[in-house]
Amino acid sequence: MSANSQQLESQKVKVQLLLAGGHQYTVYFNSDDPTLHTLLTTIVARAYKQESADRCLFQIPINEGHSALCFPSENLVALVIEPPLWIQQTDNIQPVSNDFLNSNHIQIDNFFSTKEHERLIKYVLANKSNFVSTSTSTKDENYRRSMVLYSFPDFAELIVNKIQKIMPDVMIKLGMSSFTISQIESQLTSHNDGNYYKIHNDNGSPDTATRELTYVYYFNREPKQFSGGELLIYDSKVENNFYVKAESFKTIEPRNNSIVFFFSRYMHEVLPVKCPSKAFADSRFTINGWVRREAS
């Protein structure tokens, strides 16, 4: 037998975890959250005496993400879910594994109004001479190729204000606990013919450790004169008790006037751009940045 929660539109659900020894914890998930699915599957697997499903470790954020509740799945006794999610049972239950994490992201279309988008294109073309070559902390010239504009006050303020307004909904859709935002960073980047950014994450150093979310807003002139430039967000797996990059990944198309949010800890890369004209105006443009939490 296998277990899958009913296919419902994503909604926030209250989950009371009943653990061995009489311990109880209340947490909140999206109804389509993979962790909630694993919790449900673990309960069903035990009901059908699938012992192989009892060998996983749950790691669930609590206290607004400042703490983590860690427990072996054999200590999970029951779940109280409000509103209820029912289990649909089929054949051939699969062993539950908690050593693999699917990457999670959301992409929102039509993020700027038509007038805002048009103004942004005109602004970028007028400021071509102010773009400089990007670099990395390691100074590796072959790791990242693009151009960046660090100062663009009007549009930086515009996108930060828009992101602040939708952050509660973004957090819910990503299934993360809310946190206090200390800063939203932004930069404006252009990728032209042959430009790319190899595999990296965005919070792997002491000065970037408080980055919780990465965002990328895509925009370009129409009709689009480039191809490629897809964003690959890698899944994670456990090796030697650490989460590392898996071979699987999600591919995000750089759709004009759309914005993508994902966890800054995810490994990701930008595939090479092909722009036959090599004209700056035909580039793949982004406003990209990071949402930081208050340091604890």
C-alpha atoms as a PDB file:
ATOM      1  CA  MET A   1       0.000   0.000   0.000  1.00  0.00           C
ATOM      2  CA  SER A   2       1.055   3.622  -0.482  1.00  0.00           C
ATOM      3  CA  ALA A   3      -0.288   6.815   0.942  1.00  0.00           C
ATOM      4  CA  ASN A   4      -0.889  10.155  -0.700  1.00  0.00           C
ATOM      5  CA  SER A   5      -2.767  13.102   0.777  1.00  0.00           C
ATOM      6  CA  GLN A   6      -5.807  14.123  -1.207  1.00  0.00           C
ATOM      7  CA  GLN A   7      -5.092  16.547  -4.024  1.00  0.00           C
ATOM      8  CA  LEU A   8      -6.257  19.854  -2.568  1.00  0.00           C
ATOM      9  CA  GLU A   9      -5.389  23.433  -3.313  1.00  0.00           C
ATOM     10  CA  SER A  10      -2.488  24.418  -1.084  1.00  0.00           C
ATOM     11  CA  GLN A  11      -3.691  25.740   2.268  1.00  0.00           C
ATOM     12  CA  LYS A  12      -2.215  26.264   5.700  1.00  0.00           C
ATOM     13  CA  VAL A  13      -2.961  23.418   8.101  1.00  0.00           C
ATOM     14  CA  LYS A  14      -2.396  23.091  11.842  1.00  0.00           C
ATOM     15  CA  VAL A  15      -0.641  19.851  12.792  1.00  0.00           C
ATOM     16  CA  GLN A  16      -0.307  18.523  16.331  1.00  0.00           C
ATOM     17  CA  LEU A  17       2.535  16.013  16.590  1.00  0.00           C
ATOM     18  CA  LEU A  18       1.935  13.335  19.215  1.00  0.00           C
ATOM     19  CA  LEU A  19       5.230  11.688  20.150  1.00  0.00           C
ATOM     20  CA  ALA A  20       6.222   8.771  22.357  1.00  0.00           C
ATOM     21  CA  GLY A  21       6.409   9.651  26.034  1.00  0.00           C
ATOM     22  CA  GLY A  22       3.390  11.945  25.874  1.00  0.00           C
ATOM     23  CA  HIS A  23       5.180  14.830  24.165  1.00  0.00           C
ATOM     24  CA  GLN A  24       3.112  17.145  21.947  1.00  0.00           C
ATOM     25  CA  TYR A  25       4.116  19.907  19.544  1.00  0.00           C
ATOM     26  CA  THR A  26       2.003  22.112  17.283  1.00  0.00           C
ATOM     27  CA  VAL A  27       3.396  23.192  13.924  1.00  0.00           C
ATOM     28  CA  TYR A  28       1.964  24.610  10.698  1.00  0.00           C
ATOM     29  CA  PHE A  29       2.445  23.315   7.159  1.00  0.00           C
ATOM     30  CA  ASN A  30       1.112  23.930   3.688  1.00  0.00           C
ATOM     31  CA  SER A  31      -1.204  21.071   2.772  1.00  0.00           C
ATOM     32  CA  ASP A  32       1.185  20.149  -0.092  1.00  0.00           C
ATOM     33  CA  ASP A  33       4.364  20.400   2.005  1.00  0.00           C
ATOM     34  CA  PRO A  34       6.676  17.382   1.412  1.00  0.00           C
ATOM     35  CA  THR A  35       7.391  17.066   5.144  1.00  0.00           C
ATOM     36  CA  LEU A  36       3.691  16.779   5.932  1.00  0.00           C
ATOM     37  CA  HIS A  37       3.372  14.134   3.239  1.00  0.00           C
ATOM     38  CA  THR A  38       6.268  12.195   4.811  1.00  0.00           C
ATOM     39  CA  LEU A  39       4.657  12.410   8.257  1.00  0.00           C
ATOM     40  CA  LEU A  40       1.399  11.022   6.867  1.00  0.00           C
ATOM     41  CA  THR A  41       3.195   8.313   4.903  1.00  0.00           C
ATOM     42  CA  THR A  42       5.137   7.249   8.003  1.00  0.00           C
ATOM     43  CA  ILE A  43       1.913   6.769   9.972  1.00  0.00           C
ATOM     44  CA  VAL A  44       0.325   4.723   7.188  1.00  0.00           C
ATOM     45  CA  ALA A  45       3.488   2.654   6.656  1.00  0.00           C
ATOM     46  CA  ARG A  46       3.550   1.674  10.316  1.00  0.00           C
ATOM     47  CA  ALA A  47      -0.150   0.789  10.194  1.00  0.00           C
ATOM     48  CA  TYR A  48       0.735  -1.796   7.562  1.00  0.00           C
ATOM     49  CA  LYS A  49       3.876  -2.912   9.445  1.00  0.00           C
ATOM     50  CA  GLN A  50       6.323  -1.651   6.867  1.00  0.00           C
ATOM     51  CA  GLU A  51       9.306  -1.505   9.229  1.00  0.00           C
ATOM     52  CA  SER A  52      11.578  -0.035   6.569  1.00  0.00           C
ATOM     53  CA  ALA A  53       9.551   3.160   6.842  1.00  0.00           C
ATOM     54  CA  ASP A  54      10.568   3.606  10.492  1.00  0.00           C
ATOM     55  CA  ARG A  55      14.147   4.574   9.760  1.00  0.00           C
ATOM     56  CA  CYS A  56      14.176   8.289   9.128  1.00  0.00           C
ATOM     57  CA  LEU A  57      14.862  11.444  11.095  1.00  0.00           C
ATOM     58  CA  PHE A  58      12.420  14.356  11.067  1.00  0.00           C
ATOM     59  CA  GLN A  59      13.866  17.876  11.366  1.00  0.00           C
ATOM     60  CA  ILE A  60      11.048  20.404  11.704  1.00  0.00           C
ATOM     61  CA  PRO A  61      11.528  24.166  12.303  1.00  0.00           C
ATOM     62  CA  ILE A  62       9.723  25.531  15.397  1.00  0.00           C
ATOM     63  CA  ASN A  63       9.703  28.829  17.312  1.00  0.00           C
ATOM     64  CA  GLU A  64       9.572  30.837  14.062  1.00  0.00           C
ATOM     65  CA  GLY A  65      12.576  28.990  12.703  1.00  0.00           C
ATOM     66  CA  HIS A  66      14.848  29.751  15.674  1.00  0.00           C
ATOM     67  CA  SER A  67      14.759  26.094  16.820  1.00  0.00           C
ATOM     68  CA  ALA A  68      14.449  22.689  15.214  1.00  0.00           C
ATOM     69  CA  LEU A  69      12.448  19.730  16.499  1.00  0.00           C
ATOM     70  CA  CYS A  70      14.382  16.556  15.656  1.00  0.00           C
ATOM     71  CA  PHE A  71      13.022  13.096  16.354  1.00  0.00           C
ATOM     72  CA  PRO A  72      13.240   9.584  14.849  1.00  0.00           C
ATOM     73  CA  SER A  73      10.139   8.569  12.962  1.00  0.00           C
ATOM     74  CA  GLU A  74       9.521   5.573  15.238  1.00  0.00           C
ATOM     75  CA  ASN A  75       8.656   8.101  17.987  1.00  0.00           C
ATOM     76  CA  LEU A  76       5.774   9.513  15.945  1.00  0.00           C
ATOM     77  CA  VAL A  77       2.534   8.172  17.466  1.00  0.00           C
ATOM     78  CA  ALA A  78      -0.201  10.188  15.748  1.00  0.00           C
ATOM     79  CA  LEU A  79      -1.087  13.422  13.958  1.00  0.00           C
ATOM     80  CA  VAL A  80      -3.996  15.752  14.658  1.00  0.00           C
ATOM     81  CA  ILE A  81      -4.595  17.817  11.507  1.00  0.00           C
ATOM     82  CA  GLU A  82      -6.903  20.833  11.249  1.00  0.00           C
ATOM     83  CA  PRO A  83      -8.621  21.106   8.804  1.00  0.00           C
ATOM     84  CA  PRO A  84      -8.465  17.356   8.169  1.00  0.00           C
ATOM     85  CA  LEU A  85      -6.467  15.793   5.355  1.00  0.00           C
ATOM     86  CA  TRP A  86      -7.545  12.284   4.475  1.00  0.00           C
ATOM     87  CA  ILE A  87      -5.322   9.467   3.272  1.00  0.00           C
ATOM     88  CA  GLN A  88      -6.003   7.777  -0.033  1.00  0.00           C
ATOM     89  CA  GLN A  89      -4.486   4.282   0.058  1.00  0.00           C
ATOM     90  CA  THR A  90      -3.249   2.335  -2.949  1.00  0.00           C
ATOM     91  CA  ASP A  91      -0.959  -0.633  -3.445  1.00  0.00           C
ATOM     92  CA  ASN A  92       2.782  -0.948  -2.898  1.00  0.00           C
ATOM     93  CA  ILE A  93       3.826   1.370  -0.105  1.00  0.00           C
ATOM     94  CA  GLN A  94       7.301   2.770  -0.640  1.00  0.00           C
ATOM     95  CA  PRO A  95       9.898   3.027   2.124  1.00  0.00           C
ATOM     96  CA  VAL A  96      10.026   6.501   3.604  1.00  0.00           C
ATOM     97  CA  SER A  97      13.343   8.307   3.359  1.00  0.00           C
ATOM     98  CA  ASN A  98      14.174  11.617   4.964  1.00  0.00           C
ATOM     99  CA  ASP A  99      17.676  11.848   3.496  1.00  0.00           C
ATOM    100  CA  PHE A 100      16.517  13.623   0.332  1.00  0.00           C
ATOM    101  CA  LEU A 101      14.984  17.094   0.051  1.00  0.00           C
ATOM    102  CA  ASN A 102      13.225  18.383  -3.034  1.00  0.00           C
ATOM    103  CA  SER A 103      14.040  22.006  -3.782  1.00  0.00           C
ATOM    104  CA  ASN A 104      11.064  24.309  -3.409  1.00  0.00           C
ATOM    105  CA  HIS A 105      10.404  27.554  -5.268  1.00  0.00           C
ATOM    106  CA  ILE A 106       7.608  29.793  -6.487  1.00  0.00           C
ATOM    107  CA  GLN A 107       7.434  31.871  -9.675  1.00  0.00           C
ATOM    108  CA  ILE A 108       5.003  34.796  -9.983  1.00  0.00           C
ATOM    109  CA  ASP A 109       4.127  36.234 -13.399  1.00  0.00           C
ATOM    110  CA  ASN A 110       3.286  39.873 -14.246  1.00  0.00           C
ATOM    111  CA  PHE A 111       5.119  41.139 -11.176  1.00  0.00           C
ATOM    112  CA  PHE A 112       5.523  44.728 -12.437  1.00  0.00           C
ATOM    113  CA  SER A 113       2.750  46.678 -14.121  1.00  0.00           C
ATOM    114  CA  THR A 114       3.110  47.292 -17.868  1.00  0.00           C
ATOM    115  CA  LYS A 115       4.141  50.918 -17.263  1.00  0.00           C
ATOM    116  CA  GLU A 116       6.669  49.935 -14.579  1.00  0.00           C
ATOM    117  CA  HIS A 117       8.153  47.314 -16.889  1.00  0.00           C
ATOM    118  CA  GLU A 118       8.456  49.810 -19.760  1.00  0.00           C
ATOM    119  CA  ARG A 119      10.098  52.405 -17.508  1.00  0.00           C
ATOM    120  CA  LEU A 120      12.561  49.813 -16.243  1.00  0.00           C
ATOM    121  CA  ILE A 121      13.628  48.824 -19.772  1.00  0.00           C
ATOM    122  CA  LYS A 122      14.181  52.481 -20.706  1.00  0.00           C
ATOM    123  CA  TYR A 123      16.128  53.081 -17.483  1.00  0.00           C
ATOM    124  CA  VAL A 124      18.449  50.120 -18.076  1.00  0.00           C
ATOM    125  CA  LEU A 125      19.217  51.092 -21.670  1.00  0.00           C
ATOM    126  CA  ALA A 126      19.940  54.683 -20.601  1.00  0.00           C
ATOM    127  CA  ASN A 127      22.375  53.441 -17.916  1.00  0.00           C
ATOM    128  CA  LYS A 128      24.326  50.950 -20.021  1.00  0.00           C
ATOM    129  CA  SER A 129      27.624  52.752 -19.346  1.00  0.00           C
ATOM    130  CA  ASN A 130      27.199  52.342 -15.571  1.00  0.00           C
ATOM    131  CA  PHE A 131      27.208  48.525 -15.637  1.00  0.00           C
ATOM    132  CA  VAL A 132      30.422  46.838 -14.465  1.00  0.00           C
ATOM    133  CA  SER A 133      31.720  43.269 -14.693  1.00  0.00           C
ATOM    134  CA  THR A 134      30.603  40.934 -11.917  1.00  0.00           C
ATOM    135  CA  SER A 135      33.020  39.060  -9.685  1.00  0.00           C
ATOM    136  CA  THR A 136      32.964  36.406  -6.962  1.00  0.00           C
ATOM    137  CA  SER A 137      34.515  36.303  -3.501  1.00  0.00           C
ATOM    138  CA  THR A 138      37.112  33.829  -4.812  1.00  0.00           C
ATOM    139  CA  LYS A 139      38.051  36.168  -7.709  1.00  0.00           C
ATOM    140  CA  ASP A 140      37.661  33.247 -10.127  1.00  0.00           C
ATOM    141  CA  GLU A 141      37.189  34.907 -13.519  1.00  0.00           C
ATOM    142  CA  ASN A 142      35.722  31.755 -15.075  1.00  0.00           C
ATOM    143  CA  TYR A 143      33.043  31.157 -12.435  1.00  0.00           C
ATOM    144  CA  ARG A 144      30.697  34.010 -13.269  1.00  0.00           C
ATOM    145  CA  ARG A 145      30.280  36.176 -16.349  1.00  0.00           C
ATOM    146  CA  SER A 146      27.761  39.005 -16.435  1.00  0.00           C
ATOM    147  CA  MET A 147      27.405  42.759 -15.914  1.00  0.00           C
ATOM    148  CA  VAL A 148      25.911  44.410 -12.856  1.00  0.00           C
ATOM    149  CA  LEU A 149      24.480  47.777 -11.823  1.00  0.00           C
ATOM    150  CA  TYR A 150      24.720  48.186  -8.056  1.00  0.00           C
ATOM    151  CA  SER A 151      22.966  51.560  -7.713  1.00  0.00           C
ATOM    152  CA  PHE A 152      19.479  52.053  -9.170  1.00  0.00           C
ATOM    153  CA  PRO A 153      17.586  53.741  -6.307  1.00  0.00           C
ATOM    154  CA  ASP A 154      14.145  54.237  -7.847  1.00  0.00           C
ATOM    155  CA  PHE A 155      13.667  50.671  -9.003  1.00  0.00           C
ATOM    156  CA  ALA A 156      15.478  49.158  -6.021  1.00  0.00           C
ATOM    157  CA  GLU A 157      12.941  50.854  -3.756  1.00  0.00           C
ATOM    158  CA  LEU A 158      10.071  49.778  -6.001  1.00  0.00           C
ATOM    159  CA  ILE A 159      10.960  46.087  -5.985  1.00  0.00           C
ATOM    160  CA  VAL A 160      11.809  46.032  -2.267  1.00  0.00           C
ATOM    161  CA  ASN A 161       8.415  47.546  -1.429  1.00  0.00           C
ATOM    162  CA  LYS A 162       6.637  45.029  -3.651  1.00  0.00           C
ATOM    163  CA  ILE A 163       8.524  42.112  -2.082  1.00  0.00           C
ATOM    164  CA  GLN A 164       7.782  43.322   1.447  1.00  0.00           C
ATOM    165  CA  LYS A 165       4.054  43.323   0.686  1.00  0.00           C
ATOM    166  CA  ILE A 166       3.982  39.741  -0.578  1.00  0.00           C
ATOM    167  CA  MET A 167       6.515  38.176   1.816  1.00  0.00           C
ATOM    168  CA  PRO A 168       3.888  36.692   4.191  1.00  0.00           C
ATOM    169  CA  ASP A 169       2.283  34.871   1.259  1.00  0.00           C
ATOM    170  CA  VAL A 170       5.683  33.816  -0.131  1.00  0.00           C
ATOM    171  CA  MET A 171       6.664  32.310   3.229  1.00  0.00           C
ATOM    172  CA  ILE A 172       3.402  30.376   3.407  1.00  0.00           C
ATOM    173  CA  LYS A 173       3.731  29.047  -0.151  1.00  0.00           C
ATOM    174  CA  LEU A 174       7.308  27.942   0.506  1.00  0.00           C
ATOM    175  CA  GLY A 175       6.199  26.226   3.724  1.00  0.00           C
ATOM    176  CA  MET A 176       8.600  28.169   5.905  1.00  0.00           C
ATOM    177  CA  SER A 177       8.133  29.674   9.346  1.00  0.00           C
ATOM    178  CA  SER A 178       7.838  33.441   9.393  1.00  0.00           C
ATOM    179  CA  PHE A 179      10.895  35.451  10.417  1.00  0.00           C
ATOM    180  CA  THR A 180      11.750  39.083  11.081  1.00  0.00           C
ATOM    181  CA  ILE A 181      13.247  40.691   7.973  1.00  0.00           C
ATOM    182  CA  SER A 182      16.320  42.829   8.615  1.00  0.00           C
ATOM    183  CA  GLN A 183      17.129  43.779   5.001  1.00  0.00           C
ATOM    184  CA  ILE A 184      16.187  43.114   1.385  1.00  0.00           C
ATOM    185  CA  GLU A 185      19.211  43.425  -0.897  1.00  0.00           C
ATOM    186  CA  SER A 186      19.044  44.098  -4.622  1.00  0.00           C
ATOM    187  CA  GLN A 187      21.268  44.424  -7.675  1.00  0.00           C
ATOM    188  CA  LEU A 188      20.544  44.727 -11.399  1.00  0.00           C
ATOM    189  CA  THR A 189      22.277  42.225 -13.673  1.00  0.00           C
ATOM    190  CA  SER A 190      22.571  41.654 -17.402  1.00  0.00           C
ATOM    191  CA  HIS A 191      23.563  38.376 -19.073  1.00  0.00           C
ATOM    192  CA  ASN A 192      24.561  38.568 -22.725  1.00  0.00           C
ATOM    193  CA  ASP A 193      26.016  36.062 -25.180  1.00  0.00           C
ATOM    194  CA  GLY A 194      28.086  33.391 -23.416  1.00  0.00           C
ATOM    195  CA  ASN A 195      27.364  34.705 -19.900  1.00  0.00           C
ATOM    196  CA  TYR A 196      26.628  32.279 -17.038  1.00  0.00           C
ATOM    197  CA  TYR A 197      26.999  31.646 -13.304  1.00  0.00           C
ATOM    198  CA  LYS A 198      28.292  28.249 -12.168  1.00  0.00           C
ATOM    199  CA  ILE A 199      26.937  26.225  -9.225  1.00  0.00           C
ATOM    200  CA  HIS A 200      26.848  28.102  -5.921  1.00  0.00           C
ATOM    201  CA  ASN A 201      24.621  28.977  -2.987  1.00  0.00           C
ATOM    202  CA  ASP A 202      23.909  32.431  -1.575  1.00  0.00           C
ATOM    203  CA  ASN A 203      24.480  32.068   2.175  1.00  0.00           C
ATOM    204  CA  GLY A 204      27.607  29.956   2.521  1.00  0.00           C
ATOM    205  CA  SER A 205      29.886  32.567   4.127  1.00  0.00           C
ATOM    206  CA  PRO A 206      29.788  34.399   7.480  1.00  0.00           C
ATOM    207  CA  ASP A 207      28.726  37.709   5.889  1.00  0.00           C
ATOM    208  CA  THR A 208      25.871  36.058   3.956  1.00  0.00           C
ATOM    209  CA  ALA A 209      24.687  33.605   6.638  1.00  0.00           C
ATOM    210  CA  THR A 210      21.507  35.587   7.420  1.00  0.00           C
ATOM    211  CA  ARG A 211      20.205  35.351   3.850  1.00  0.00           C
ATOM    212  CA  GLU A 212      17.046  33.233   4.019  1.00  0.00           C
ATOM    213  CA  LEU A 213      15.508  33.738   0.575  1.00  0.00           C
ATOM    214  CA  THR A 214      16.896  34.517  -2.860  1.00  0.00           C
ATOM    215  CA  TYR A 215      14.753  36.257  -5.466  1.00  0.00           C
ATOM    216  CA  VAL A 216      15.269  36.803  -9.191  1.00  0.00           C
ATOM    217  CA  TYR A 217      13.056  39.160 -11.214  1.00  0.00           C
ATOM    218  CA  TYR A 218      13.380  38.584 -14.984  1.00  0.00           C
ATOM    219  CA  PHE A 219      12.782  41.220 -17.651  1.00  0.00           C
ATOM    220  CA  ASN A 220      13.736  41.758 -21.288  1.00  0.00           C
ATOM    221  CA  ARG A 221      12.688  43.554 -24.443  1.00  0.00           C
ATOM    222  CA  GLU A 222      10.096  41.913 -26.668  1.00  0.00           C
ATOM    223  CA  PRO A 223      10.420  40.045 -28.883  1.00  0.00           C
ATOM    224  CA  LYS A 224      13.066  38.183 -26.877  1.00  0.00           C
ATOM    225  CA  GLN A 225      16.420  38.040 -28.681  1.00  0.00           C
ATOM    226  CA  PHE A 226      18.220  35.505 -26.483  1.00  0.00           C
ATOM    227  CA  SER A 227      17.867  31.847 -25.522  1.00  0.00           C
ATOM    228  CA  GLY A 228      19.225  29.805 -22.626  1.00  0.00           C
ATOM    229  CA  GLY A 229      19.920  31.443 -19.286  1.00  0.00           C
ATOM    230  CA  GLU A 230      17.703  29.014 -17.381  1.00  0.00           C
ATOM    231  CA  LEU A 231      18.060  28.859 -13.589  1.00  0.00           C
ATOM    232  CA  LEU A 232      18.746  25.381 -12.213  1.00  0.00           C
ATOM    233  CA  ILE A 233      17.869  24.856  -8.540  1.00  0.00           C
ATOM    234  CA  TYR A 234      19.331  21.617  -7.210  1.00  0.00           C
ATOM    235  CA  ASP A 235      17.675  19.192  -4.806  1.00  0.00           C
ATOM    236  CA  SER A 236      19.615  18.117  -1.698  1.00  0.00           C
ATOM    237  CA  LYS A 237      20.699  14.783  -0.210  1.00  0.00           C
ATOM    238  CA  VAL A 238      22.444  13.681   2.980  1.00  0.00           C
ATOM    239  CA  GLU A 239      26.111  12.667   2.866  1.00  0.00           C
ATOM    240  CA  ASN A 240      28.110  12.245   6.083  1.00  0.00           C
ATOM    241  CA  ASN A 241      25.302  13.929   8.028  1.00  0.00           C
ATOM    242  CA  PHE A 242      25.375  17.044   5.825  1.00  0.00           C
ATOM    243  CA  TYR A 243      22.949  18.143   3.130  1.00  0.00           C
ATOM    244  CA  VAL A 244      24.755  18.426  -0.205  1.00  0.00           C
ATOM    245  CA  LYS A 245      23.744  18.933  -3.834  1.00  0.00           C
ATOM    246  CA  ALA A 246      21.836  16.059  -5.421  1.00  0.00           C
ATOM    247  CA  GLU A 247      22.022  15.280  -9.148  1.00  0.00           C
ATOM    248  CA  SER A 248      18.364  16.207  -9.668  1.00  0.00           C
ATOM    249  CA  PHE A 249      17.221  19.794 -10.118  1.00  0.00           C
ATOM    250  CA  LYS A 250      14.340  22.084 -11.073  1.00  0.00           C
ATOM    251  CA  THR A 251      14.622  24.179 -14.255  1.00  0.00           C
ATOM    252  CA  ILE A 252      13.180  27.704 -14.125  1.00  0.00           C
ATOM    253  CA  GLU A 253      12.595  29.546 -17.371  1.00  0.00           C
ATOM    254  CA  PRO A 254      13.520  33.271 -17.339  1.00  0.00           C
ATOM    255  CA  ARG A 255       9.995  34.408 -18.157  1.00  0.00           C
ATOM    256  CA  ASN A 256       9.687  38.110 -18.900  1.00  0.00           C
ATOM    257  CA  ASN A 257       8.225  40.124 -15.983  1.00  0.00           C
ATOM    258  CA  SER A 258       8.223  37.178 -13.563  1.00  0.00           C
ATOM    259  CA  ILE A 259       9.903  36.788 -10.172  1.00  0.00           C
ATOM    260  CA  VAL A 260      11.225  33.594  -8.552  1.00  0.00           C
ATOM    261  CA  PHE A 261      11.775  32.969  -4.822  1.00  0.00           C
ATOM    262  CA  PHE A 262      13.762  30.062  -3.344  1.00  0.00           C
ATOM    263  CA  PHE A 263      15.842  29.266  -0.250  1.00  0.00           C
ATOM    264  CA  SER A 264      19.289  30.897  -0.330  1.00  0.00           C
ATOM    265  CA  ARG A 265      20.894  27.688   0.946  1.00  0.00           C
ATOM    266  CA  TYR A 266      19.981  25.797  -2.249  1.00  0.00           C
ATOM    267  CA  MET A 267      22.755  25.151  -4.726  1.00  0.00           C
ATOM    268  CA  HIS A 268      21.861  26.738  -8.057  1.00  0.00           C
ATOM    269  CA  GLU A 269      23.352  27.934 -11.334  1.00  0.00           C
ATOM    270  CA  VAL A 270      22.571  30.031 -14.409  1.00  0.00           C
ATOM    271  CA  LEU A 271      23.053  28.219 -17.717  1.00  0.00           C
ATOM    272  CA  PRO A 272      24.908  30.016 -20.545  1.00  0.00           C
ATOM    273  CA  VAL A 273      22.955  32.622 -22.496  1.00  0.00           C
ATOM    274  CA  LYS A 274      22.940  32.681 -26.291  1.00  0.00           C
ATOM    275  CA  CYS A 275      22.391  36.162 -27.740  1.00  0.00           C
ATOM    276  CA  PRO A 276      23.350  36.181 -31.442  1.00  0.00           C
ATOM    277  CA  SER A 277      23.206  39.980 -31.799  1.00  0.00           C
ATOM    278  CA  LYS A 278      25.453  40.497 -28.730  1.00  0.00           C
ATOM    279  CA  ALA A 279      23.635  43.819 -28.310  1.00  0.00           C
ATOM    280  CA  PHE A 280      23.280  45.008 -24.710  1.00  0.00           C
ATOM    281  CA  ALA A 281      19.609  45.841 -25.294  1.00  0.00           C
ATOM    282  CA  ASP A 282      18.917  42.186 -26.173  1.00  0.00           C
ATOM    283  CA  SER A 283      20.310  40.849 -22.884  1.00  0.00           C
ATOM    284  CA  ARG A 284      18.635  38.699 -20.259  1.00  0.00           C
ATOM    285  CA  PHE A 285      18.103  41.248 -17.468  1.00  0.00           C
ATOM    286  CA  THR A 286      17.337  40.583 -13.810  1.00  0.00           C
ATOM    287  CA  ILE A 287      16.871  42.399 -10.554  1.00  0.00           C
ATOM    288  CA  ASN A 288      18.113  39.833  -8.077  1.00  0.00           C
ATOM    289  CA  GLY A 289      18.785  39.871  -4.379  1.00  0.00           C
ATOM    290  CA  TRP A 290      18.278  38.366  -0.969  1.00  0.00           C
ATOM    291  CA  VAL A 291      15.891  38.598   1.974  1.00  0.00           C
ATOM    292  CA  ARG A 292      17.818  38.603   5.256  1.00  0.00           C
ATOM    293  CA  ARG A 293      16.549  37.629   8.696  1.00  0.00           C
ATOM    294  CA  GLU A 294      17.558  39.374  11.866  1.00  0.00           C
ATOM    295  CA  ALA A 295      20.721  37.873  13.302  1.00  0.00           C
ATOM    296  CA  SER A 296      20.053  35.890  16.481  1.00  0.00           C
END
